[in-house]
Amino acid sequence: VRPGMVTGFLGPNGAGKSTTMRLILGLDRPTAGTVTV
């Protein structure tokens, strides 16, 4: 997700959007992989 633009995050219910946001914020820990700010 790059600066200087509005990036929309879309997906059906249950697609993993809220979980992904929680992982970005460190509210949940990933099982594998990384996400950085």
Full PDB file with SEQRES, HELIX, SHEET, SSBOND, CRYST1, ORIGX, SCALE, CONECT and MASTER records, all heavy atoms in Angstrom:
SEQRES   1 A   37  VAL ARG PRO GLY MET VAL THR GLY PHE LEU GLY PRO ASN          
SEQRES   2 A   37  GLY ALA GLY LYS SER THR THR MET ARG LEU ILE LEU GLY          
SEQRES   3 A   37  LEU ASP ARG PRO THR ALA GLY THR VAL THR VAL                  
HELIX    1 AA1 LYS A   17  LEU A   25  1                                   9    
CRYST1    1.000    1.000    1.000  90.00  90.00  90.00 P 1           1          
ORIGX1      1.000000  0.000000  0.000000        0.00000                         
ORIGX2      0.000000  1.000000  0.000000        0.00000                         
ORIGX3      0.000000  0.000000  1.000000        0.00000                         
SCALE1      1.000000  0.000000  0.000000        0.00000                         
SCALE2      0.000000  1.000000  0.000000        0.00000                         
SCALE3      0.000000  0.000000  1.000000        0.00000                         
ATOM      1  N   VAL A   1       0.874  -1.171   0.000  1.00  0.00           N  
ATOM      2  CA  VAL A   1       0.000   0.000   0.000  1.00  0.00           C  
ATOM      3  C   VAL A   1       0.910   1.220   0.000  1.00  0.00           C  
ATOM      4  O   VAL A   1       1.650   1.459   0.954  1.00  0.00           O  
ATOM      5  CB  VAL A   1      -0.920   0.025   1.233  1.00  0.00           C  
ATOM      6  CG1 VAL A   1      -1.897   1.199   1.127  1.00  0.00           C  
ATOM      7  CG2 VAL A   1      -1.686  -1.286   1.355  1.00  0.00           C  
ATOM      8  N   ARG A   2       0.864   1.980  -1.077  1.00  0.00           N  
ATOM      9  CA  ARG A   2       1.799   3.088  -1.280  1.00  0.00           C  
ATOM     10  C   ARG A   2       1.186   4.437  -0.908  1.00  0.00           C  
ATOM     11  O   ARG A   2      -0.037   4.605  -0.951  1.00  0.00           O  
ATOM     12  CB  ARG A   2       2.266   3.104  -2.736  1.00  0.00           C  
ATOM     13  CG  ARG A   2       3.108   1.891  -3.105  1.00  0.00           C  
ATOM     14  CD  ARG A   2       3.542   1.904  -4.562  1.00  0.00           C  
ATOM     15  NE  ARG A   2       4.505   0.843  -4.836  1.00  0.00           N  
ATOM     16  CZ  ARG A   2       4.174  -0.427  -5.066  1.00  0.00           C  
ATOM     17  NH1 ARG A   2       2.897  -0.784  -5.063  1.00  0.00           N  
ATOM     18  NH2 ARG A   2       5.110  -1.331  -5.283  1.00  0.00           N  
ATOM     19  N   PRO A   3       2.048   5.397  -0.581  1.00  0.00           N  
ATOM     20  CA  PRO A   3       1.556   6.744  -0.249  1.00  0.00           C  
ATOM     21  C   PRO A   3       1.101   7.505  -1.478  1.00  0.00           C  
ATOM     22  O   PRO A   3       1.408   7.130  -2.614  1.00  0.00           O  
ATOM     23  CB  PRO A   3       2.795   7.402   0.379  1.00  0.00           C  
ATOM     24  CG  PRO A   3       3.963   6.688  -0.230  1.00  0.00           C  
ATOM     25  CD  PRO A   3       3.505   5.270  -0.443  1.00  0.00           C  
ATOM     26  N   GLY A   4       0.349   8.576  -1.235  1.00  0.00           N  
ATOM     27  CA  GLY A   4      -0.054   9.463  -2.312  1.00  0.00           C  
ATOM     28  C   GLY A   4      -1.298   9.053  -3.055  1.00  0.00           C  
ATOM     29  O   GLY A   4      -1.634   9.666  -4.074  1.00  0.00           O  
ATOM     30  N   MET A   5      -1.985   8.023  -2.594  1.00  0.00           N  
ATOM     31  CA  MET A   5      -3.212   7.578  -3.246  1.00  0.00           C  
ATOM     32  C   MET A   5      -4.129   6.930  -2.210  1.00  0.00           C  
ATOM     33  O   MET A   5      -3.678   6.504  -1.147  1.00  0.00           O  
ATOM     34  CB  MET A   5      -2.907   6.583  -4.365  1.00  0.00           C  
ATOM     35  CG  MET A   5      -2.297   5.279  -3.900  1.00  0.00           C  
ATOM     36  SD  MET A   5      -1.975   4.124  -5.264  1.00  0.00           S  
ATOM     37  CE  MET A   5      -0.549   4.910  -6.005  1.00  0.00           C  
ATOM     38  N   VAL A   6      -5.405   6.869  -2.529  1.00  0.00           N  
ATOM     39  CA  VAL A   6      -6.357   6.140  -1.685  1.00  0.00           C  
ATOM     40  C   VAL A   6      -6.418   4.709  -2.212  1.00  0.00           C  
ATOM     41  O   VAL A   6      -6.759   4.477  -3.376  1.00  0.00           O  
ATOM     42  CB  VAL A   6      -7.761   6.775  -1.730  1.00  0.00           C  
ATOM     43  CG1 VAL A   6      -8.737   5.951  -0.886  1.00  0.00           C  
ATOM     44  CG2 VAL A   6      -7.714   8.212  -1.234  1.00  0.00           C  
ATOM     45  N   THR A   7      -6.064   3.756  -1.358  1.00  0.00           N  
ATOM     46  CA  THR A   7      -6.105   2.345  -1.736  1.00  0.00           C  
ATOM     47  C   THR A   7      -7.319   1.699  -1.098  1.00  0.00           C  
ATOM     48  O   THR A   7      -7.455   1.686   0.127  1.00  0.00           O  
ATOM     49  CB  THR A   7      -4.829   1.612  -1.290  1.00  0.00           C  
ATOM     50  OG1 THR A   7      -3.696   2.213  -1.921  1.00  0.00           O  
ATOM     51  CG2 THR A   7      -4.892   0.138  -1.671  1.00  0.00           C  
ATOM     52  N   GLY A   8      -8.216   1.198  -1.923  1.00  0.00           N  
ATOM     53  CA  GLY A   8      -9.404   0.511  -1.429  1.00  0.00           C  
ATOM     54  C   GLY A   8      -9.102  -0.952  -1.149  1.00  0.00           C  
ATOM     55  O   GLY A   8      -8.358  -1.591  -1.899  1.00  0.00           O  
ATOM     56  N   PHE A   9      -9.694  -1.466  -0.084  1.00  0.00           N  
ATOM     57  CA  PHE A   9      -9.495  -2.854   0.329  1.00  0.00           C  
ATOM     58  C   PHE A   9     -10.859  -3.529   0.267  1.00  0.00           C  
ATOM     59  O   PHE A   9     -11.732  -3.261   1.082  1.00  0.00           O  
ATOM     60  CB  PHE A   9      -8.925  -2.881   1.741  1.00  0.00           C  
ATOM     61  CG  PHE A   9      -8.395  -4.224   2.180  1.00  0.00           C  
ATOM     62  CD1 PHE A   9      -7.843  -5.121   1.288  1.00  0.00           C  
ATOM     63  CD2 PHE A   9      -8.430  -4.575   3.520  1.00  0.00           C  
ATOM     64  CE1 PHE A   9      -7.339  -6.345   1.696  1.00  0.00           C  
ATOM     65  CE2 PHE A   9      -7.931  -5.794   3.959  1.00  0.00           C  
ATOM     66  CZ  PHE A   9      -7.389  -6.678   3.042  1.00  0.00           C  
ATOM     67  N   LEU A  10     -11.055  -4.397  -0.740  1.00  0.00           N  
ATOM     68  CA  LEU A  10     -12.363  -4.982  -1.006  1.00  0.00           C  
ATOM     69  C   LEU A  10     -12.339  -6.501  -0.864  1.00  0.00           C  
ATOM     70  O   LEU A  10     -11.307  -7.138  -1.059  1.00  0.00           O  
ATOM     71  CB  LEU A  10     -12.825  -4.636  -2.422  1.00  0.00           C  
ATOM     72  CG  LEU A  10     -12.873  -3.167  -2.828  1.00  0.00           C  
ATOM     73  CD1 LEU A  10     -13.378  -3.041  -4.263  1.00  0.00           C  
ATOM     74  CD2 LEU A  10     -13.743  -2.377  -1.875  1.00  0.00           C  
ATOM     75  N   GLY A  11     -13.497  -7.046  -0.589  1.00  0.00           N  
ATOM     76  CA  GLY A  11     -13.654  -8.490  -0.531  1.00  0.00           C  
ATOM     77  C   GLY A  11     -15.005  -8.828   0.056  1.00  0.00           C  
ATOM     78  O   GLY A  11     -15.589  -8.040   0.815  1.00  0.00           O  
ATOM     79  N   PRO A  12     -15.553 -10.002  -0.276  1.00  0.00           N  
ATOM     80  CA  PRO A  12     -16.832 -10.422   0.303  1.00  0.00           C  
ATOM     81  C   PRO A  12     -16.707 -10.603   1.813  1.00  0.00           C  
ATOM     82  O   PRO A  12     -15.602 -10.612   2.374  1.00  0.00           O  
ATOM     83  CB  PRO A  12     -17.106 -11.773  -0.385  1.00  0.00           C  
ATOM     84  CG  PRO A  12     -16.175 -11.824  -1.553  1.00  0.00           C  
ATOM     85  CD  PRO A  12     -14.983 -11.002  -1.186  1.00  0.00           C  
ATOM     86  N   ASN A  13     -17.843 -10.769   2.490  1.00  0.00           N  
ATOM     87  CA  ASN A  13     -17.816 -11.084   3.915  1.00  0.00           C  
ATOM     88  C   ASN A  13     -17.012 -12.358   4.148  1.00  0.00           C  
ATOM     89  O   ASN A  13     -17.144 -13.331   3.401  1.00  0.00           O  
ATOM     90  CB  ASN A  13     -19.241 -11.291   4.442  1.00  0.00           C  
ATOM     91  CG  ASN A  13     -20.003  -9.990   4.559  1.00  0.00           C  
ATOM     92  OD1 ASN A  13     -19.411  -8.932   4.677  1.00  0.00           O  
ATOM     93  ND2 ASN A  13     -21.322 -10.076   4.516  1.00  0.00           N  
ATOM     94  N   GLY A  14     -16.165 -12.329   5.167  1.00  0.00           N  
ATOM     95  CA  GLY A  14     -15.363 -13.494   5.479  1.00  0.00           C  
ATOM     96  C   GLY A  14     -14.122 -13.633   4.622  1.00  0.00           C  
ATOM     97  O   GLY A  14     -13.436 -14.653   4.672  1.00  0.00           O  
ATOM     98  N   ALA A  15     -13.789 -12.583   3.851  1.00  0.00           N  
ATOM     99  CA  ALA A  15     -12.642 -12.661   2.945  1.00  0.00           C  
ATOM    100  C   ALA A  15     -11.306 -12.485   3.653  1.00  0.00           C  
ATOM    101  O   ALA A  15     -10.261 -12.777   3.087  1.00  0.00           O  
ATOM    102  CB  ALA A  15     -12.764 -11.612   1.844  1.00  0.00           C  
ATOM    103  N   GLY A  16     -11.332 -11.958   4.889  1.00  0.00           N  
ATOM    104  CA  GLY A  16     -10.097 -11.752   5.638  1.00  0.00           C  
ATOM    105  C   GLY A  16      -9.655 -10.305   5.739  1.00  0.00           C  
ATOM    106  O   GLY A  16      -8.534 -10.027   6.181  1.00  0.00           O  
ATOM    107  N   LYS A  17     -10.522  -9.364   5.375  1.00  0.00           N  
ATOM    108  CA  LYS A  17     -10.136  -7.948   5.394  1.00  0.00           C  
ATOM    109  C   LYS A  17      -9.853  -7.459   6.815  1.00  0.00           C  
ATOM    110  O   LYS A  17      -8.806  -6.854   7.070  1.00  0.00           O  
ATOM    111  CB  LYS A  17     -11.244  -7.096   4.754  1.00  0.00           C  
ATOM    112  CG  LYS A  17     -11.557  -7.446   3.319  1.00  0.00           C  
ATOM    113  CD  LYS A  17     -12.501  -6.452   2.698  1.00  0.00           C  
ATOM    114  CE  LYS A  17     -13.809  -6.291   3.456  1.00  0.00           C  
ATOM    115  NZ  LYS A  17     -14.586  -7.563   3.529  1.00  0.00           N  
ATOM    116  N   SER A  18     -10.793  -7.683   7.722  1.00  0.00           N  
ATOM    117  CA  SER A  18     -10.607  -7.195   9.091  1.00  0.00           C  
ATOM    118  C   SER A  18      -9.421  -7.875   9.763  1.00  0.00           C  
ATOM    119  O   SER A  18      -8.654  -7.228  10.493  1.00  0.00           O  
ATOM    120  CB  SER A  18     -11.886  -7.434   9.918  1.00  0.00           C  
ATOM    121  OG  SER A  18     -12.950  -6.652   9.413  1.00  0.00           O  
ATOM    122  N   THR A  19      -9.248  -9.162   9.508  1.00  0.00           N  
ATOM    123  CA  THR A  19      -8.095  -9.873  10.073  1.00  0.00           C  
ATOM    124  C   THR A  19      -6.802  -9.275   9.557  1.00  0.00           C  
ATOM    125  O   THR A  19      -5.844  -9.073  10.320  1.00  0.00           O  
ATOM    126  CB  THR A  19      -8.160 -11.368   9.717  1.00  0.00           C  
ATOM    127  OG1 THR A  19      -9.355 -11.930  10.243  1.00  0.00           O  
ATOM    128  CG2 THR A  19      -6.958 -12.110  10.290  1.00  0.00           C  
ATOM    129  N   THR A  20      -6.749  -8.968   8.266  1.00  0.00           N  
ATOM    130  CA  THR A  20      -5.547  -8.367   7.692  1.00  0.00           C  
ATOM    131  C   THR A  20      -5.243  -7.030   8.342  1.00  0.00           C  
ATOM    132  O   THR A  20      -4.079  -6.722   8.661  1.00  0.00           O  
ATOM    133  CB  THR A  20      -5.717  -8.196   6.173  1.00  0.00           C  
ATOM    134  OG1 THR A  20      -5.946  -9.471   5.569  1.00  0.00           O  
ATOM    135  CG2 THR A  20      -4.483  -7.562   5.554  1.00  0.00           C  
ATOM    136  N   MET A  21      -6.273  -6.224   8.562  1.00  0.00           N  
ATOM    137  CA  MET A  21      -6.056  -4.924   9.201  1.00  0.00           C  
ATOM    138  C   MET A  21      -5.548  -5.092  10.633  1.00  0.00           C  
ATOM    139  O   MET A  21      -4.675  -4.343  11.090  1.00  0.00           O  
ATOM    140  CB  MET A  21      -7.342  -4.100   9.165  1.00  0.00           C  
ATOM    141  CG  MET A  21      -7.664  -3.539   7.779  1.00  0.00           C  
ATOM    142  SD  MET A  21      -9.057  -2.390   7.815  1.00  0.00           S  
ATOM    143  CE  MET A  21      -8.654  -1.319   6.430  1.00  0.00           C  
ATOM    144  N   ARG A  22      -6.076  -6.063  11.330  1.00  0.00           N  
ATOM    145  CA  ARG A  22      -5.613  -6.329  12.693  1.00  0.00           C  
ATOM    146  C   ARG A  22      -4.148  -6.796  12.683  1.00  0.00           C  
ATOM    147  O   ARG A  22      -3.366  -6.439  13.579  1.00  0.00           O  
ATOM    148  CB  ARG A  22      -6.503  -7.371  13.365  1.00  0.00           C  
ATOM    149  CG  ARG A  22      -7.906  -6.861  13.704  1.00  0.00           C  
ATOM    150  CD  ARG A  22      -8.742  -7.939  14.386  1.00  0.00           C  
ATOM    151  NE  ARG A  22      -8.130  -8.382  15.632  1.00  0.00           N  
ATOM    152  CZ  ARG A  22      -8.257  -7.766  16.813  1.00  0.00           C  
ATOM    153  NH1 ARG A  22      -8.969  -6.659  16.901  1.00  0.00           N  
ATOM    154  NH2 ARG A  22      -7.677  -8.249  17.893  1.00  0.00           N  
ATOM    155  N   LEU A  23      -3.785  -7.564  11.694  1.00  0.00           N  
ATOM    156  CA  LEU A  23      -2.395  -8.018  11.585  1.00  0.00           C  
ATOM    157  C   LEU A  23      -1.459  -6.837  11.305  1.00  0.00           C  
ATOM    158  O   LEU A  23      -0.354  -6.763  11.851  1.00  0.00           O  
ATOM    159  CB  LEU A  23      -2.268  -9.062  10.472  1.00  0.00           C  
ATOM    160  CG  LEU A  23      -2.921 -10.420  10.739  1.00  0.00           C  
ATOM    161  CD1 LEU A  23      -2.942 -11.253   9.472  1.00  0.00           C  
ATOM    162  CD2 LEU A  23      -2.196 -11.168  11.856  1.00  0.00           C  
ATOM    163  N   ILE A  24      -1.901  -5.910  10.460  1.00  0.00           N  
ATOM    164  CA  ILE A  24      -1.095  -4.723  10.169  1.00  0.00           C  
ATOM    165  C   ILE A  24      -0.839  -3.927  11.441  1.00  0.00           C  
ATOM    166  O   ILE A  24       0.283  -3.456  11.693  1.00  0.00           O  
ATOM    167  CB  ILE A  24      -1.787  -3.838   9.119  1.00  0.00           C  
ATOM    168  CG1 ILE A  24      -1.854  -4.554   7.767  1.00  0.00           C  
ATOM    169  CG2 ILE A  24      -1.056  -2.498   8.964  1.00  0.00           C  
ATOM    170  CD1 ILE A  24      -2.748  -3.859   6.752  1.00  0.00           C  
ATOM    171  N   LEU A  25      -1.869  -3.802  12.278  1.00  0.00           N  
ATOM    172  CA  LEU A  25      -1.774  -2.997  13.490  1.00  0.00           C  
ATOM    173  C   LEU A  25      -1.121  -3.739  14.660  1.00  0.00           C  
ATOM    174  O   LEU A  25      -0.938  -3.153  15.731  1.00  0.00           O  
ATOM    175  CB  LEU A  25      -3.168  -2.520  13.906  1.00  0.00           C  
ATOM    176  CG  LEU A  25      -3.820  -1.521  12.950  1.00  0.00           C  
ATOM    177  CD1 LEU A  25      -5.285  -1.309  13.313  1.00  0.00           C  
ATOM    178  CD2 LEU A  25      -3.070  -0.199  12.980  1.00  0.00           C  
ATOM    179  N   GLY A  26      -0.811  -5.018  14.454  1.00  0.00           N  
ATOM    180  CA  GLY A  26      -0.192  -5.778  15.527  1.00  0.00           C  
ATOM    181  C   GLY A  26      -1.165  -6.247  16.585  1.00  0.00           C  
ATOM    182  O   GLY A  26      -0.748  -6.688  17.668  1.00  0.00           O  
ATOM    183  N   LEU A  27      -2.454  -6.167  16.301  1.00  0.00           N  
ATOM    184  CA  LEU A  27      -3.468  -6.637  17.253  1.00  0.00           C  
ATOM    185  C   LEU A  27      -3.572  -8.155  17.237  1.00  0.00           C  
ATOM    186  O   LEU A  27      -4.057  -8.762  18.190  1.00  0.00           O  
ATOM    187  CB  LEU A  27      -4.823  -6.005  16.925  1.00  0.00           C  
ATOM    188  CG  LEU A  27      -4.857  -4.476  16.997  1.00  0.00           C  
ATOM    189  CD1 LEU A  27      -6.218  -3.948  16.538  1.00  0.00           C  
ATOM    190  CD2 LEU A  27      -4.555  -3.989  18.415  1.00  0.00           C  
ATOM    191  N   ASP A  28      -3.166  -8.776  16.150  1.00  0.00           N  
ATOM    192  CA  ASP A  28      -3.032 -10.232  16.037  1.00  0.00           C  
ATOM    193  C   ASP A  28      -1.646 -10.529  15.492  1.00  0.00           C  
ATOM    194  O   ASP A  28      -1.053  -9.695  14.798  1.00  0.00           O  
ATOM    195  CB  ASP A  28      -4.092 -10.818  15.088  1.00  0.00           C  
ATOM    196  CG  ASP A  28      -5.464 -10.909  15.739  1.00  0.00           C  
ATOM    197  OD1 ASP A  28      -5.540 -10.990  16.977  1.00  0.00           O  
ATOM    198  OD2 ASP A  28      -6.463 -10.885  14.994  1.00  0.00           O  
ATOM    199  N   ARG A  29      -1.149 -11.708  15.787  1.00  0.00           N  
ATOM    200  CA  ARG A  29       0.145 -12.124  15.261  1.00  0.00           C  
ATOM    201  C   ARG A  29      -0.074 -13.060  14.074  1.00  0.00           C  
ATOM    202  O   ARG A  29      -0.920 -13.950  14.139  1.00  0.00           O  
ATOM    203  CB  ARG A  29       0.959 -12.852  16.337  1.00  0.00           C  
ATOM    204  CG  ARG A  29       1.423 -11.958  17.484  1.00  0.00           C  
ATOM    205  CD  ARG A  29       2.267 -12.757  18.458  1.00  0.00           C  
ATOM    206  NE  ARG A  29       2.682 -11.959  19.598  1.00  0.00           N  
ATOM    207  CZ  ARG A  29       3.780 -11.208  19.639  1.00  0.00           C  
ATOM    208  NH1 ARG A  29       4.561 -11.155  18.564  1.00  0.00           N  
ATOM    209  NH2 ARG A  29       4.099 -10.519  20.719  1.00  0.00           N  
ATOM    210  N   PRO A  30       0.688 -12.882  13.013  1.00  0.00           N  
ATOM    211  CA  PRO A  30       0.539 -13.782  11.869  1.00  0.00           C  
ATOM    212  C   PRO A  30       1.018 -15.190  12.183  1.00  0.00           C  
ATOM    213  O   PRO A  30       1.948 -15.373  12.968  1.00  0.00           O  
ATOM    214  CB  PRO A  30       1.402 -13.127  10.787  1.00  0.00           C  
ATOM    215  CG  PRO A  30       2.399 -12.292  11.528  1.00  0.00           C  
ATOM    216  CD  PRO A  30       1.698 -11.838  12.764  1.00  0.00           C  
ATOM    217  N   THR A  31       0.370 -16.171  11.566  1.00  0.00           N  
ATOM    218  CA  THR A  31       0.825 -17.556  11.663  1.00  0.00           C  
ATOM    219  C   THR A  31       2.104 -17.740  10.861  1.00  0.00           C  
ATOM    220  O   THR A  31       3.000 -18.499  11.234  1.00  0.00           O  
ATOM    221  CB  THR A  31      -0.268 -18.503  11.148  1.00  0.00           C  
ATOM    222  OG1 THR A  31      -1.478 -18.263  11.871  1.00  0.00           O  
ATOM    223  CG2 THR A  31       0.141 -19.961  11.328  1.00  0.00           C  
ATOM    224  N   ALA A  32       2.190 -17.013   9.744  1.00  0.00           N  
ATOM    225  CA  ALA A  32       3.380 -17.049   8.896  1.00  0.00           C  
ATOM    226  C   ALA A  32       3.450 -15.747   8.122  1.00  0.00           C  
ATOM    227  O   ALA A  32       2.461 -15.025   7.988  1.00  0.00           O  
ATOM    228  CB  ALA A  32       3.332 -18.239   7.940  1.00  0.00           C  
ATOM    229  N   GLY A  33       4.649 -15.441   7.605  1.00  0.00           N  
ATOM    230  CA  GLY A  33       4.816 -14.227   6.825  1.00  0.00           C  
ATOM    231  C   GLY A  33       4.959 -12.998   7.699  1.00  0.00           C  
ATOM    232  O   GLY A  33       4.974 -13.071   8.928  1.00  0.00           O  
ATOM    233  N   THR A  34       5.038 -11.845   7.038  1.00  0.00           N  
ATOM    234  CA  THR A  34       5.221 -10.578   7.751  1.00  0.00           C  
ATOM    235  C   THR A  34       4.358  -9.487   7.144  1.00  0.00           C  
ATOM    236  O   THR A  34       3.959  -9.555   5.979  1.00  0.00           O  
ATOM    237  CB  THR A  34       6.693 -10.118   7.682  1.00  0.00           C  
ATOM    238  OG1 THR A  34       7.059  -9.918   6.300  1.00  0.00           O  
ATOM    239  CG2 THR A  34       7.620 -11.128   8.330  1.00  0.00           C  
ATOM    240  N   VAL A  35       4.086  -8.475   7.950  1.00  0.00           N  
ATOM    241  CA  VAL A  35       3.477  -7.247   7.441  1.00  0.00           C  
ATOM    242  C   VAL A  35       4.133  -6.095   8.189  1.00  0.00           C  
ATOM    243  O   VAL A  35       4.224  -6.101   9.413  1.00  0.00           O  
ATOM    244  CB  VAL A  35       1.947  -7.241   7.605  1.00  0.00           C  
ATOM    245  CG1 VAL A  35       1.512  -7.356   9.062  1.00  0.00           C  
ATOM    246  CG2 VAL A  35       1.346  -5.994   6.957  1.00  0.00           C  
ATOM    247  N   THR A  36       4.638  -5.126   7.440  1.00  0.00           N  
ATOM    248  CA  THR A  36       5.380  -4.021   8.039  1.00  0.00           C  
ATOM    249  C   THR A  36       4.808  -2.680   7.618  1.00  0.00           C  
ATOM    250  O   THR A  36       4.159  -2.547   6.578  1.00  0.00           O  
ATOM    251  CB  THR A  36       6.866  -4.066   7.623  1.00  0.00           C  
ATOM    252  OG1 THR A  36       6.955  -4.011   6.178  1.00  0.00           O  
ATOM    253  CG2 THR A  36       7.530  -5.343   8.124  1.00  0.00           C  
ATOM    254  N   VAL A  37       5.047  -1.684   8.463  1.00  0.00           N  
ATOM    255  CA  VAL A  37       4.702  -0.294   8.170  1.00  0.00           C  
ATOM    256  C   VAL A  37       6.008   0.480   8.159  1.00  0.00           C  
ATOM    257  O   VAL A  37       6.715   0.530   9.174  1.00  0.00           O  
ATOM    258  CB  VAL A  37       3.746   0.283   9.217  1.00  0.00           C  
ATOM    259  CG1 VAL A  37       3.439   1.749   8.896  1.00  0.00           C  
ATOM    260  CG2 VAL A  37       2.454  -0.524   9.282  1.00  0.00           C  
TER     261      VAL A  37                                                      
MASTER        0    0    0    1    0    0    0    6  260    1    0    3          
END                                                                             
